[in-house]
Every structure is written in structure tokens, then in C-alpha cells.
N, C-alpha and C. Protein backbone atom coordinates (compact mmCIF):
# COMPACT_ATOMS: atom_id res chain seq x y z
N MET A 1 73.30 83.56 104.34
CA MET A 1 74.57 82.93 104.68
C MET A 1 75.72 83.81 104.25
N PRO A 2 76.87 83.83 105.01
CA PRO A 2 78.01 84.67 104.65
C PRO A 2 78.52 84.39 103.25
N THR A 3 78.52 83.10 102.86
CA THR A 3 79.02 82.77 101.53
C THR A 3 78.17 83.41 100.45
N ALA A 4 76.85 83.39 100.67
CA ALA A 4 75.96 83.99 99.68
C ALA A 4 76.19 85.49 99.59
N ARG A 5 76.40 86.14 100.75
CA ARG A 5 76.64 87.57 100.74
C ARG A 5 77.95 87.90 100.05
N THR A 6 78.95 87.01 100.19
CA THR A 6 80.23 87.23 99.54
C THR A 6 80.07 87.34 98.03
N TYR A 7 79.16 86.56 97.49
CA TYR A 7 78.97 86.56 96.04
C TYR A 7 77.68 87.27 95.63
N HIS A 8 77.26 88.19 96.48
CA HIS A 8 76.03 88.93 96.19
C HIS A 8 76.15 89.71 94.88
N HIS A 9 77.34 90.19 94.56
CA HIS A 9 77.55 90.96 93.34
C HIS A 9 78.21 90.09 92.28
N GLY A 10 77.82 90.30 91.04
CA GLY A 10 78.46 89.58 89.95
C GLY A 10 79.90 90.01 89.76
N ASN A 11 80.20 91.24 90.12
CA ASN A 11 81.56 91.75 90.00
C ASN A 11 81.93 92.41 91.32
N LEU A 12 82.50 91.63 92.21
CA LEU A 12 82.81 92.11 93.56
C LEU A 12 83.80 93.27 93.53
N ARG A 13 84.80 93.17 92.66
CA ARG A 13 85.82 94.22 92.59
C ARG A 13 85.19 95.56 92.25
N GLU A 14 84.33 95.58 91.23
CA GLU A 14 83.70 96.83 90.83
C GLU A 14 82.75 97.34 91.91
N ALA A 15 82.09 96.43 92.60
CA ALA A 15 81.20 96.83 93.68
C ALA A 15 81.98 97.50 94.81
N LEU A 16 83.15 96.99 95.10
CA LEU A 16 83.98 97.58 96.16
C LEU A 16 84.54 98.94 95.74
N LEU A 17 84.92 99.07 94.48
CA LEU A 17 85.39 100.36 93.99
C LEU A 17 84.28 101.41 94.08
N LYS A 18 83.09 101.02 93.72
CA LYS A 18 81.95 101.93 93.80
C LYS A 18 81.66 102.29 95.24
N ALA A 19 81.73 101.30 96.13
CA ALA A 19 81.50 101.56 97.55
C ALA A 19 82.54 102.51 98.11
N ALA A 20 83.79 102.30 97.72
CA ALA A 20 84.87 103.17 98.20
C ALA A 20 84.65 104.61 97.77
N LEU A 21 84.21 104.81 96.52
CA LEU A 21 83.96 106.16 96.04
C LEU A 21 82.83 106.83 96.82
N GLY A 22 81.81 106.06 97.16
CA GLY A 22 80.73 106.60 97.96
C GLY A 22 81.20 107.02 99.34
N LEU A 23 82.09 106.24 99.93
CA LEU A 23 82.62 106.57 101.25
C LEU A 23 83.58 107.75 101.19
N VAL A 24 84.34 107.85 100.11
CA VAL A 24 85.21 109.00 99.92
C VAL A 24 84.38 110.28 99.83
N ARG A 25 83.28 110.20 99.11
CA ARG A 25 82.38 111.35 98.98
C ARG A 25 81.84 111.77 100.35
N LYS A 26 81.62 110.81 101.21
CA LYS A 26 81.03 111.08 102.52
C LYS A 26 82.05 111.50 103.56
N ALA A 27 83.22 110.84 103.59
CA ALA A 27 84.16 111.05 104.69
C ALA A 27 85.60 111.31 104.26
N GLY A 28 85.87 111.34 102.96
CA GLY A 28 87.24 111.56 102.51
C GLY A 28 88.00 110.26 102.36
N PRO A 29 89.18 110.31 101.70
CA PRO A 29 89.94 109.09 101.42
C PRO A 29 90.37 108.31 102.66
N GLN A 30 90.54 108.98 103.78
CA GLN A 30 91.04 108.30 104.97
C GLN A 30 89.95 108.08 106.02
N GLY A 31 88.71 108.37 105.67
CA GLY A 31 87.65 108.36 106.67
C GLY A 31 86.82 107.09 106.72
N PHE A 32 87.35 105.96 106.26
CA PHE A 32 86.58 104.72 106.31
C PHE A 32 87.51 103.52 106.36
N THR A 33 86.95 102.36 106.64
CA THR A 33 87.71 101.12 106.71
C THR A 33 87.28 100.18 105.59
N LEU A 34 88.06 99.14 105.39
CA LEU A 34 87.71 98.14 104.39
C LEU A 34 86.42 97.43 104.78
N ARG A 35 86.21 97.26 106.07
CA ARG A 35 84.98 96.64 106.56
C ARG A 35 83.75 97.49 106.18
N GLU A 36 83.90 98.81 106.29
CA GLU A 36 82.80 99.69 105.91
C GLU A 36 82.53 99.62 104.41
N ALA A 37 83.59 99.50 103.62
CA ALA A 37 83.40 99.36 102.17
C ALA A 37 82.65 98.08 101.86
N ALA A 38 82.97 97.00 102.58
CA ALA A 38 82.27 95.73 102.38
C ALA A 38 80.80 95.87 102.74
N ARG A 39 80.52 96.54 103.86
CA ARG A 39 79.13 96.72 104.28
C ARG A 39 78.34 97.52 103.25
N ARG A 40 78.96 98.57 102.74
CA ARG A 40 78.27 99.39 101.74
C ARG A 40 78.06 98.60 100.45
N ALA A 41 78.99 97.72 100.10
CA ALA A 41 78.87 96.91 98.89
C ALA A 41 77.88 95.76 99.08
N GLY A 42 77.47 95.51 100.35
CA GLY A 42 76.50 94.46 100.61
C GLY A 42 77.10 93.07 100.64
N VAL A 43 78.39 92.97 101.05
CA VAL A 43 79.04 91.67 101.12
C VAL A 43 79.61 91.46 102.52
N SER A 44 80.05 90.27 102.81
CA SER A 44 80.62 89.98 104.12
C SER A 44 81.92 90.74 104.31
N HIS A 45 82.31 90.94 105.58
CA HIS A 45 83.51 91.73 105.84
C HIS A 45 84.78 91.05 105.36
N ASN A 46 84.72 89.73 105.11
CA ASN A 46 85.89 89.03 104.60
C ASN A 46 86.00 89.07 103.08
N ALA A 47 84.90 89.39 102.41
CA ALA A 47 84.88 89.34 100.95
C ALA A 47 85.92 90.24 100.28
N PRO A 48 86.14 91.47 100.75
CA PRO A 48 87.12 92.34 100.05
C PRO A 48 88.52 91.75 99.95
N TYR A 49 88.87 90.88 100.90
CA TYR A 49 90.23 90.36 100.91
C TYR A 49 90.50 89.41 99.75
N ARG A 50 89.47 89.07 99.01
CA ARG A 50 89.69 88.30 97.78
C ARG A 50 90.38 89.15 96.72
N HIS A 51 90.27 90.48 96.85
CA HIS A 51 90.84 91.39 95.86
C HIS A 51 91.83 92.39 96.46
N PHE A 52 91.59 92.81 97.70
CA PHE A 52 92.40 93.86 98.30
C PHE A 52 92.81 93.47 99.72
N LYS A 53 94.10 93.64 100.02
CA LYS A 53 94.60 93.29 101.34
C LYS A 53 94.31 94.36 102.39
N SER A 54 94.05 95.57 101.93
CA SER A 54 93.84 96.67 102.87
C SER A 54 93.02 97.77 102.19
N ARG A 55 92.59 98.73 103.01
CA ARG A 55 91.90 99.89 102.45
C ARG A 55 92.78 100.63 101.47
N ASP A 56 94.09 100.74 101.77
CA ASP A 56 94.98 101.47 100.87
C ASP A 56 95.11 100.78 99.52
N GLU A 57 95.07 99.45 99.50
CA GLU A 57 95.10 98.76 98.21
C GLU A 57 93.84 99.06 97.41
N LEU A 58 92.71 99.14 98.09
CA LEU A 58 91.46 99.49 97.42
C LEU A 58 91.53 100.92 96.90
N LEU A 59 92.04 101.83 97.72
CA LEU A 59 92.16 103.23 97.28
C LEU A 59 93.16 103.37 96.14
N ALA A 60 94.22 102.57 96.16
CA ALA A 60 95.20 102.62 95.08
C ALA A 60 94.56 102.24 93.76
N GLU A 61 93.63 101.28 93.80
CA GLU A 61 92.95 100.88 92.57
C GLU A 61 91.99 101.98 92.11
N VAL A 62 91.35 102.66 93.06
CA VAL A 62 90.51 103.80 92.71
C VAL A 62 91.36 104.88 92.04
N ALA A 63 92.53 105.15 92.62
CA ALA A 63 93.44 106.15 92.07
C ALA A 63 93.92 105.76 90.68
N ALA A 64 94.26 104.49 90.49
CA ALA A 64 94.70 104.02 89.18
C ALA A 64 93.62 104.23 88.13
N GLU A 65 92.38 103.90 88.50
CA GLU A 65 91.25 104.13 87.61
C GLU A 65 91.13 105.61 87.27
N GLY A 66 91.34 106.46 88.28
CA GLY A 66 91.29 107.90 88.07
C GLY A 66 92.36 108.39 87.12
N PHE A 67 93.58 107.94 87.30
CA PHE A 67 94.68 108.37 86.43
C PHE A 67 94.45 107.92 84.99
N GLU A 68 93.90 106.73 84.82
CA GLU A 68 93.61 106.26 83.47
C GLU A 68 92.54 107.13 82.81
N ARG A 69 91.53 107.50 83.58
CA ARG A 69 90.50 108.38 83.03
C ARG A 69 91.07 109.77 82.75
N LEU A 70 91.93 110.24 83.63
CA LEU A 70 92.55 111.55 83.43
C LEU A 70 93.32 111.58 82.11
N THR A 71 94.09 110.55 81.85
CA THR A 71 94.85 110.48 80.60
C THR A 71 93.91 110.55 79.39
N LYS A 72 92.81 109.82 79.45
CA LYS A 72 91.84 109.84 78.35
C LYS A 72 91.23 111.22 78.17
N PHE A 73 90.89 111.88 79.28
CA PHE A 73 90.32 113.22 79.19
C PHE A 73 91.32 114.18 78.55
N MET A 74 92.57 114.12 78.94
CA MET A 74 93.59 114.99 78.37
C MET A 74 93.77 114.72 76.89
N GLU A 75 93.84 113.45 76.52
CA GLU A 75 94.07 113.08 75.12
C GLU A 75 92.87 113.44 74.25
N GLN A 76 91.67 113.19 74.74
CA GLN A 76 90.48 113.51 73.96
C GLN A 76 90.33 115.02 73.76
N SER A 77 90.66 115.79 74.80
CA SER A 77 90.58 117.24 74.68
C SER A 77 91.66 117.76 73.74
N ALA A 78 92.87 117.25 73.89
CA ALA A 78 93.99 117.70 73.07
C ALA A 78 93.77 117.38 71.59
N ALA A 79 93.07 116.30 71.31
CA ALA A 79 92.86 115.88 69.93
C ALA A 79 92.10 116.92 69.12
N GLN A 80 91.44 117.85 69.79
CA GLN A 80 90.69 118.89 69.09
C GLN A 80 91.60 120.04 68.61
N GLY A 81 92.84 120.04 69.04
CA GLY A 81 93.75 121.12 68.68
C GLY A 81 94.33 120.96 67.29
N ALA A 82 94.59 122.09 66.64
CA ALA A 82 95.12 122.07 65.28
C ALA A 82 96.63 122.24 65.24
N SER A 83 97.24 122.56 66.37
CA SER A 83 98.69 122.76 66.44
C SER A 83 99.21 122.18 67.75
N PRO A 84 100.51 121.96 67.85
CA PRO A 84 101.06 121.45 69.10
C PRO A 84 100.72 122.32 70.31
N LEU A 85 100.78 123.65 70.14
CA LEU A 85 100.47 124.54 71.25
C LEU A 85 99.01 124.43 71.66
N GLU A 86 98.11 124.35 70.70
CA GLU A 86 96.70 124.19 71.01
C GLU A 86 96.45 122.87 71.72
N ARG A 87 97.11 121.81 71.28
CA ARG A 87 96.92 120.52 71.93
C ARG A 87 97.45 120.55 73.36
N PHE A 88 98.57 121.22 73.57
CA PHE A 88 99.13 121.38 74.91
C PHE A 88 98.13 122.12 75.81
N GLN A 89 97.58 123.21 75.31
CA GLN A 89 96.64 124.00 76.10
C GLN A 89 95.34 123.25 76.35
N LEU A 90 94.83 122.57 75.34
CA LEU A 90 93.59 121.83 75.50
C LEU A 90 93.74 120.64 76.44
N SER A 91 94.93 120.06 76.51
CA SER A 91 95.13 118.96 77.46
C SER A 91 94.92 119.44 78.89
N GLY A 92 95.30 120.69 79.15
CA GLY A 92 95.07 121.27 80.46
C GLY A 92 93.59 121.45 80.76
N ARG A 93 92.85 121.84 79.76
CA ARG A 93 91.40 121.96 79.92
C ARG A 93 90.79 120.59 80.23
N GLY A 94 91.29 119.57 79.57
CA GLY A 94 90.82 118.22 79.84
C GLY A 94 91.11 117.79 81.27
N TYR A 95 92.25 118.22 81.80
CA TYR A 95 92.60 117.92 83.18
C TYR A 95 91.56 118.50 84.14
N VAL A 96 91.22 119.76 83.94
CA VAL A 96 90.25 120.43 84.81
C VAL A 96 88.88 119.79 84.66
N ARG A 97 88.51 119.46 83.45
CA ARG A 97 87.20 118.84 83.21
C ARG A 97 87.11 117.49 83.92
N PHE A 98 88.20 116.74 83.91
CA PHE A 98 88.21 115.46 84.63
C PHE A 98 87.97 115.68 86.12
N ALA A 99 88.68 116.64 86.71
CA ALA A 99 88.54 116.89 88.14
C ALA A 99 87.11 117.28 88.51
N LEU A 100 86.47 118.07 87.66
CA LEU A 100 85.10 118.48 87.91
C LEU A 100 84.12 117.32 87.80
N GLN A 101 84.39 116.42 86.89
CA GLN A 101 83.47 115.31 86.65
C GLN A 101 83.68 114.15 87.62
N TYR A 102 84.92 113.99 88.09
CA TYR A 102 85.24 112.87 88.99
C TYR A 102 85.97 113.37 90.24
N PRO A 103 85.30 114.18 91.07
CA PRO A 103 85.96 114.76 92.24
C PRO A 103 86.41 113.73 93.27
N GLU A 104 85.68 112.60 93.38
CA GLU A 104 86.10 111.59 94.35
C GLU A 104 87.40 110.92 93.91
N HIS A 105 87.48 110.57 92.63
CA HIS A 105 88.74 110.02 92.12
C HIS A 105 89.87 111.04 92.33
N PHE A 106 89.60 112.29 92.01
CA PHE A 106 90.61 113.34 92.13
C PHE A 106 91.12 113.44 93.56
N ALA A 107 90.21 113.33 94.53
CA ALA A 107 90.61 113.40 95.93
C ALA A 107 91.50 112.23 96.31
N VAL A 108 91.14 111.04 95.88
CA VAL A 108 91.96 109.87 96.21
C VAL A 108 93.33 109.97 95.55
N MET A 109 93.37 110.40 94.31
CA MET A 109 94.62 110.48 93.56
C MET A 109 95.63 111.41 94.21
N PHE A 110 95.14 112.51 94.79
CA PHE A 110 96.08 113.55 95.24
C PHE A 110 96.01 113.89 96.73
N ASP A 111 95.00 113.39 97.43
CA ASP A 111 94.88 113.70 98.86
C ASP A 111 95.25 112.52 99.75
N HIS A 112 95.69 111.44 99.15
CA HIS A 112 96.09 110.26 99.92
C HIS A 112 97.48 109.84 99.45
N PRO A 113 98.54 110.43 100.01
CA PRO A 113 99.90 110.21 99.50
C PRO A 113 100.37 108.76 99.64
N GLY A 114 101.27 108.39 98.73
CA GLY A 114 101.92 107.09 98.81
C GLY A 114 101.25 105.99 98.01
N LEU A 115 100.08 106.24 97.42
CA LEU A 115 99.40 105.17 96.71
C LEU A 115 100.16 104.73 95.48
N ALA A 116 100.76 105.69 94.76
CA ALA A 116 101.51 105.34 93.55
C ALA A 116 102.72 104.49 93.88
N GLN A 117 103.30 104.70 95.07
CA GLN A 117 104.44 103.90 95.48
C GLN A 117 104.01 102.53 96.00
N ALA A 118 102.79 102.46 96.54
CA ALA A 118 102.31 101.22 97.14
C ALA A 118 101.73 100.25 96.12
N SER A 119 101.32 100.77 94.95
CA SER A 119 100.67 99.93 93.95
C SER A 119 101.34 100.13 92.59
N ALA A 120 101.79 99.03 92.00
CA ALA A 120 102.43 99.10 90.69
C ALA A 120 101.45 99.62 89.64
N HIS A 121 100.19 99.17 89.72
CA HIS A 121 99.19 99.62 88.76
C HIS A 121 98.96 101.12 88.88
N CYS A 122 98.84 101.60 90.12
CA CYS A 122 98.63 103.03 90.34
C CYS A 122 99.84 103.84 89.87
N GLY A 123 101.03 103.35 90.18
CA GLY A 123 102.24 104.05 89.76
C GLY A 123 102.36 104.14 88.25
N GLU A 124 102.01 103.05 87.58
CA GLU A 124 102.07 103.03 86.11
C GLU A 124 101.05 104.00 85.52
N ALA A 125 99.83 103.98 86.06
CA ALA A 125 98.78 104.85 85.53
C ALA A 125 99.12 106.32 85.77
N SER A 126 99.68 106.61 86.93
CA SER A 126 100.10 107.98 87.24
C SER A 126 101.20 108.44 86.29
N GLY A 127 102.16 107.55 86.05
CA GLY A 127 103.26 107.89 85.14
C GLY A 127 102.78 108.12 83.72
N GLN A 128 101.81 107.36 83.27
CA GLN A 128 101.29 107.53 81.91
C GLN A 128 100.59 108.87 81.75
N ALA A 129 99.89 109.31 82.81
CA ALA A 129 99.22 110.61 82.74
C ALA A 129 100.24 111.73 82.59
N PHE A 130 101.31 111.65 83.37
CA PHE A 130 102.33 112.70 83.27
C PHE A 130 103.06 112.63 81.93
N MET A 131 103.29 111.41 81.43
CA MET A 131 103.97 111.27 80.15
C MET A 131 103.14 111.85 79.02
N ALA A 132 101.82 111.78 79.14
CA ALA A 132 100.96 112.39 78.12
C ALA A 132 101.21 113.89 78.07
N LEU A 133 101.23 114.54 79.24
CA LEU A 133 101.50 115.97 79.30
C LEU A 133 102.90 116.27 78.78
N LEU A 134 103.86 115.46 79.18
CA LEU A 134 105.24 115.66 78.74
C LEU A 134 105.34 115.57 77.22
N GLY A 135 104.56 114.69 76.62
CA GLY A 135 104.57 114.56 75.17
C GLY A 135 104.09 115.81 74.48
N TYR A 136 103.06 116.45 75.03
CA TYR A 136 102.55 117.69 74.44
C TYR A 136 103.60 118.81 74.57
N VAL A 137 104.31 118.84 75.67
CA VAL A 137 105.37 119.84 75.86
C VAL A 137 106.47 119.63 74.83
N ARG A 138 106.89 118.39 74.66
CA ARG A 138 107.97 118.10 73.71
C ARG A 138 107.56 118.42 72.28
N ASP A 139 106.31 118.14 71.94
CA ASP A 139 105.82 118.48 70.60
C ASP A 139 105.91 119.99 70.37
N CYS A 140 105.58 120.76 71.39
CA CYS A 140 105.67 122.22 71.28
C CYS A 140 107.12 122.67 71.13
N GLN A 141 108.01 122.04 71.86
CA GLN A 141 109.43 122.40 71.78
C GLN A 141 109.98 122.13 70.39
N GLU A 142 109.52 121.07 69.77
CA GLU A 142 110.03 120.70 68.45
C GLU A 142 109.70 121.75 67.40
N VAL A 143 108.59 122.47 67.57
CA VAL A 143 108.22 123.50 66.59
C VAL A 143 108.52 124.91 67.11
N GLY A 144 109.23 125.00 68.24
CA GLY A 144 109.61 126.31 68.77
C GLY A 144 108.51 127.04 69.50
N ALA A 145 107.41 126.35 69.84
CA ALA A 145 106.30 127.00 70.54
C ALA A 145 106.55 127.13 72.03
N LEU A 146 107.46 126.32 72.56
CA LEU A 146 107.86 126.41 73.96
C LEU A 146 109.39 126.44 74.02
N PRO A 147 109.95 126.98 75.10
CA PRO A 147 111.40 127.10 75.19
C PRO A 147 112.11 125.76 75.15
N ALA A 148 113.33 125.76 74.65
CA ALA A 148 114.16 124.56 74.70
C ALA A 148 114.59 124.34 76.14
N GLY A 149 115.12 123.18 76.41
CA GLY A 149 115.56 122.87 77.77
C GLY A 149 114.85 121.65 78.30
N ASP A 150 114.87 121.49 79.59
CA ASP A 150 114.28 120.33 80.24
C ASP A 150 112.75 120.39 80.12
N PRO A 151 112.14 119.50 79.33
CA PRO A 151 110.69 119.54 79.16
C PRO A 151 109.94 119.19 80.45
N GLN A 152 110.59 118.45 81.32
CA GLN A 152 109.92 118.07 82.55
C GLN A 152 109.62 119.29 83.42
N MET A 153 110.52 120.28 83.42
CA MET A 153 110.27 121.48 84.21
C MET A 153 109.05 122.24 83.68
N LEU A 154 108.93 122.34 82.36
CA LEU A 154 107.77 123.01 81.77
C LEU A 154 106.49 122.23 82.04
N ALA A 155 106.59 120.90 81.98
CA ALA A 155 105.42 120.07 82.27
C ALA A 155 104.98 120.25 83.71
N LEU A 156 105.94 120.34 84.63
CA LEU A 156 105.60 120.54 86.04
C LEU A 156 104.95 121.91 86.26
N MET A 157 105.43 122.91 85.55
CA MET A 157 104.81 124.23 85.65
C MET A 157 103.36 124.19 85.19
N ALA A 158 103.14 123.56 84.04
CA ALA A 158 101.79 123.48 83.49
C ALA A 158 100.88 122.67 84.41
N TRP A 159 101.40 121.58 84.92
CA TRP A 159 100.64 120.73 85.84
C TRP A 159 100.24 121.51 87.09
N SER A 160 101.18 122.28 87.62
CA SER A 160 100.90 123.07 88.82
C SER A 160 99.74 124.03 88.59
N VAL A 161 99.71 124.65 87.42
CA VAL A 161 98.65 125.61 87.11
C VAL A 161 97.29 124.92 87.02
N VAL A 162 97.20 123.87 86.21
CA VAL A 162 95.89 123.23 86.02
C VAL A 162 95.44 122.50 87.27
N HIS A 163 96.39 121.97 88.02
CA HIS A 163 96.02 121.28 89.26
C HIS A 163 95.50 122.29 90.29
N GLY A 164 96.13 123.45 90.34
CA GLY A 164 95.67 124.48 91.26
C GLY A 164 94.25 124.92 90.96
N VAL A 165 93.97 125.15 89.69
CA VAL A 165 92.61 125.52 89.29
C VAL A 165 91.63 124.39 89.65
N SER A 166 92.02 123.16 89.36
CA SER A 166 91.15 122.02 89.63
C SER A 166 90.85 121.89 91.11
N LYS A 167 91.88 122.03 91.92
CA LYS A 167 91.71 121.88 93.37
C LYS A 167 90.80 122.97 93.92
N LEU A 168 91.00 124.19 93.49
CA LEU A 168 90.16 125.30 93.94
C LEU A 168 88.71 125.10 93.49
N ALA A 169 88.54 124.62 92.27
CA ALA A 169 87.19 124.43 91.74
C ALA A 169 86.46 123.32 92.48
N VAL A 170 87.13 122.19 92.67
CA VAL A 170 86.50 121.04 93.32
C VAL A 170 86.14 121.36 94.78
N SER A 171 86.97 122.16 95.44
CA SER A 171 86.71 122.50 96.85
C SER A 171 85.78 123.70 97.00
N GLY A 172 85.29 124.24 95.86
CA GLY A 172 84.32 125.32 95.91
C GLY A 172 84.89 126.68 96.26
N HIS A 173 86.18 126.90 95.98
CA HIS A 173 86.82 128.16 96.33
C HIS A 173 86.96 129.13 95.16
N LEU A 174 86.37 128.79 94.02
CA LEU A 174 86.36 129.72 92.90
C LEU A 174 84.97 130.37 92.79
N PRO A 175 84.92 131.66 92.46
CA PRO A 175 83.63 132.38 92.46
C PRO A 175 82.84 132.19 91.16
N PHE A 176 82.64 130.92 90.78
CA PHE A 176 81.91 130.64 89.55
C PHE A 176 80.73 129.75 89.87
N SER A 177 79.64 129.97 89.15
CA SER A 177 78.39 129.26 89.44
C SER A 177 78.21 127.98 88.63
N SER A 178 79.03 127.76 87.64
CA SER A 178 78.86 126.58 86.80
C SER A 178 80.20 126.01 86.37
N GLN A 179 80.18 124.75 85.97
CA GLN A 179 81.40 124.11 85.47
C GLN A 179 81.87 124.78 84.19
N GLY A 180 80.93 125.26 83.38
CA GLY A 180 81.31 125.96 82.16
C GLY A 180 82.13 127.20 82.46
N ASP A 181 81.74 127.93 83.50
CA ASP A 181 82.50 129.12 83.89
C ASP A 181 83.90 128.75 84.37
N VAL A 182 83.98 127.66 85.11
CA VAL A 182 85.30 127.19 85.58
C VAL A 182 86.18 126.84 84.40
N LEU A 183 85.63 126.13 83.42
CA LEU A 183 86.41 125.73 82.26
C LEU A 183 86.84 126.93 81.43
N GLU A 184 85.99 127.93 81.33
CA GLU A 184 86.38 129.15 80.61
C GLU A 184 87.52 129.86 81.32
N PHE A 185 87.44 129.92 82.64
CA PHE A 185 88.52 130.52 83.42
C PHE A 185 89.81 129.73 83.24
N ALA A 186 89.69 128.42 83.30
CA ALA A 186 90.88 127.57 83.13
C ALA A 186 91.49 127.77 81.75
N ALA A 187 90.65 127.83 80.71
CA ALA A 187 91.16 128.02 79.36
C ALA A 187 91.89 129.35 79.23
N SER A 188 91.36 130.40 79.86
CA SER A 188 92.01 131.71 79.81
C SER A 188 93.36 131.68 80.52
N LEU A 189 93.39 131.03 81.67
CA LEU A 189 94.65 130.95 82.42
C LEU A 189 95.69 130.11 81.68
N ILE A 190 95.25 128.99 81.10
CA ILE A 190 96.16 128.13 80.36
C ILE A 190 96.69 128.85 79.13
N SER A 191 95.83 129.64 78.47
CA SER A 191 96.26 130.41 77.31
C SER A 191 97.32 131.43 77.71
N THR A 192 97.11 132.08 78.85
CA THR A 192 98.09 133.05 79.34
C THR A 192 99.42 132.37 79.63
N LEU A 193 99.35 131.19 80.24
CA LEU A 193 100.58 130.44 80.51
C LEU A 193 101.30 130.09 79.21
N GLY A 194 100.53 129.59 78.23
CA GLY A 194 101.14 129.23 76.95
C GLY A 194 101.74 130.41 76.24
N THR A 195 101.05 131.57 76.31
CA THR A 195 101.56 132.78 75.68
C THR A 195 102.87 133.22 76.32
N GLY A 196 102.92 133.14 77.64
CA GLY A 196 104.15 133.51 78.34
C GLY A 196 105.30 132.61 77.98
N MET A 197 105.04 131.33 77.88
CA MET A 197 106.08 130.39 77.50
C MET A 197 106.52 130.62 76.06
N THR A 198 105.55 130.91 75.19
CA THR A 198 105.86 131.16 73.78
C THR A 198 106.75 132.40 73.64
N ARG A 199 106.45 133.46 74.37
CA ARG A 199 107.28 134.67 74.32
C ARG A 199 108.69 134.39 74.81
N SER A 200 108.78 133.54 75.81
CA SER A 200 110.10 133.17 76.30
C SER A 200 110.89 132.45 75.24
N ALA A 201 110.21 131.57 74.48
CA ALA A 201 110.89 130.87 73.40
C ALA A 201 111.33 131.82 72.30
N ALA A 202 110.48 132.81 72.00
CA ALA A 202 110.75 133.73 70.90
C ALA A 202 111.88 134.71 71.23
N THR A 203 111.97 135.13 72.50
CA THR A 203 112.95 136.13 72.88
C THR A 203 114.24 135.55 73.42
N GLY A 204 114.23 134.24 73.62
CA GLY A 204 115.44 133.63 74.17
C GLY A 204 115.66 133.96 75.62
N ALA A 205 114.56 134.23 76.34
CA ALA A 205 114.68 134.54 77.75
C ALA A 205 115.17 133.33 78.51
N PRO A 206 115.75 133.54 79.70
CA PRO A 206 116.26 132.41 80.49
C PRO A 206 115.15 131.41 80.77
N GLU A 207 115.52 130.17 80.80
CA GLU A 207 114.57 129.10 81.01
C GLU A 207 113.88 129.24 82.37
N GLN A 208 112.56 129.07 82.41
CA GLN A 208 111.83 129.18 83.66
C GLN A 208 111.97 127.90 84.46
N THR A 209 112.07 128.05 85.76
CA THR A 209 112.16 126.89 86.65
C THR A 209 111.18 127.04 87.79
N LEU A 210 110.95 125.92 88.47
CA LEU A 210 110.04 125.94 89.60
C LEU A 210 110.70 126.60 90.81
């Protein structure tokens, strides 16, 4: 009976999120419908509407979950640092590690525009991830490890670097055979970025902008 299929899962919301991730892996963030997510979750086509009004609402929740995990990865990685600069650099490594471990979330978060604007939860989670990075930048500025000025510009620069590495790695465009090699490359690049910023702070060079 349709009613029985609707309640086939003890946690319908989680079943739909899992189904969406499977479909993203197969066809990308825009390559499926809410009806297909319901079919993959093993519930009636009307069941998803108990939680999500559209496919985009479902994807926004996937993205929110991704941003929350990203923040945790950055914070857990940064916690291993002994100085503000080390924590700043390690947060970038955590970003890349997240992308490698959760490529479907990563794709939804950044390859399906407008989700943060469409969902308050997604927007909040996205903002918290960026604020975590911004906090590491400000901590470095307080001890003179990064240049003074607008911390958001420095955070955007750092984000651009780690996101670029993550995107290339997830899409298979980096010439490395293992995730460990990717992380080592990312750490080297992030260290170079931090060194360049540190020299700028020490020499009083003009503030870098995007």
C-alpha cells in the first residue's frame, strides 16, 4: 500500500538525503527529480513532500549538511596547530580533505548555485564555514603573521586556493595517485601561500587584493 511505502523508513528525511547523494554521484546535482529520489529511497512519490517541497529544497539540505561537515573538518584539522599561522594553514588542509572524502556533498555545495539563498539553513551553514576561516585569518593578523587590512580579502584568497585544489582533485585533474599525495600537495601550496602573506606583513608590502 502507498501509505506503507511512505513509512518504509524509520527516518524518511535521512533516507531521502542518502538517495539524493546517490543520484548526485550518478547524474550530478541537476540530473534527477524528487520523484527519482523517492523511488531510490523506496517510498511513494508523494512521501518526500512531507519534508521537501522541491528537489532544490532537498539539495539545499544536502548542501547544509556538507557545510556543517566542512566546518568540522577545518576546525579539527586546525586544532592540531601550535600557532595561529599553523592553524590557518591546517584549516585549508581540512578543507581539501573534506572535499576528497565527501565529493557528492562538495558538488552540491558549489555546483548548484542559489541554494544558500533559497534555504536559511544552508545559508547559515555556509556562513559559519566562511566565518571559521575568517577567524583563523584574524587570529593571524593579531600576532602579525598576516597583513593588516580587510581580513575578508585574505580569507577569499585562501579559500580560492584550497577550493581550486579541491576541485581539481575531485574531478581527477591532478596527477596524483592517492589522497595522501593530494593532501601533501595541498599542504605545500598552502604553506607557500602563508609564507607569501607573512612576508607581505613583515615588509609592509601593499595589501593583496583579488
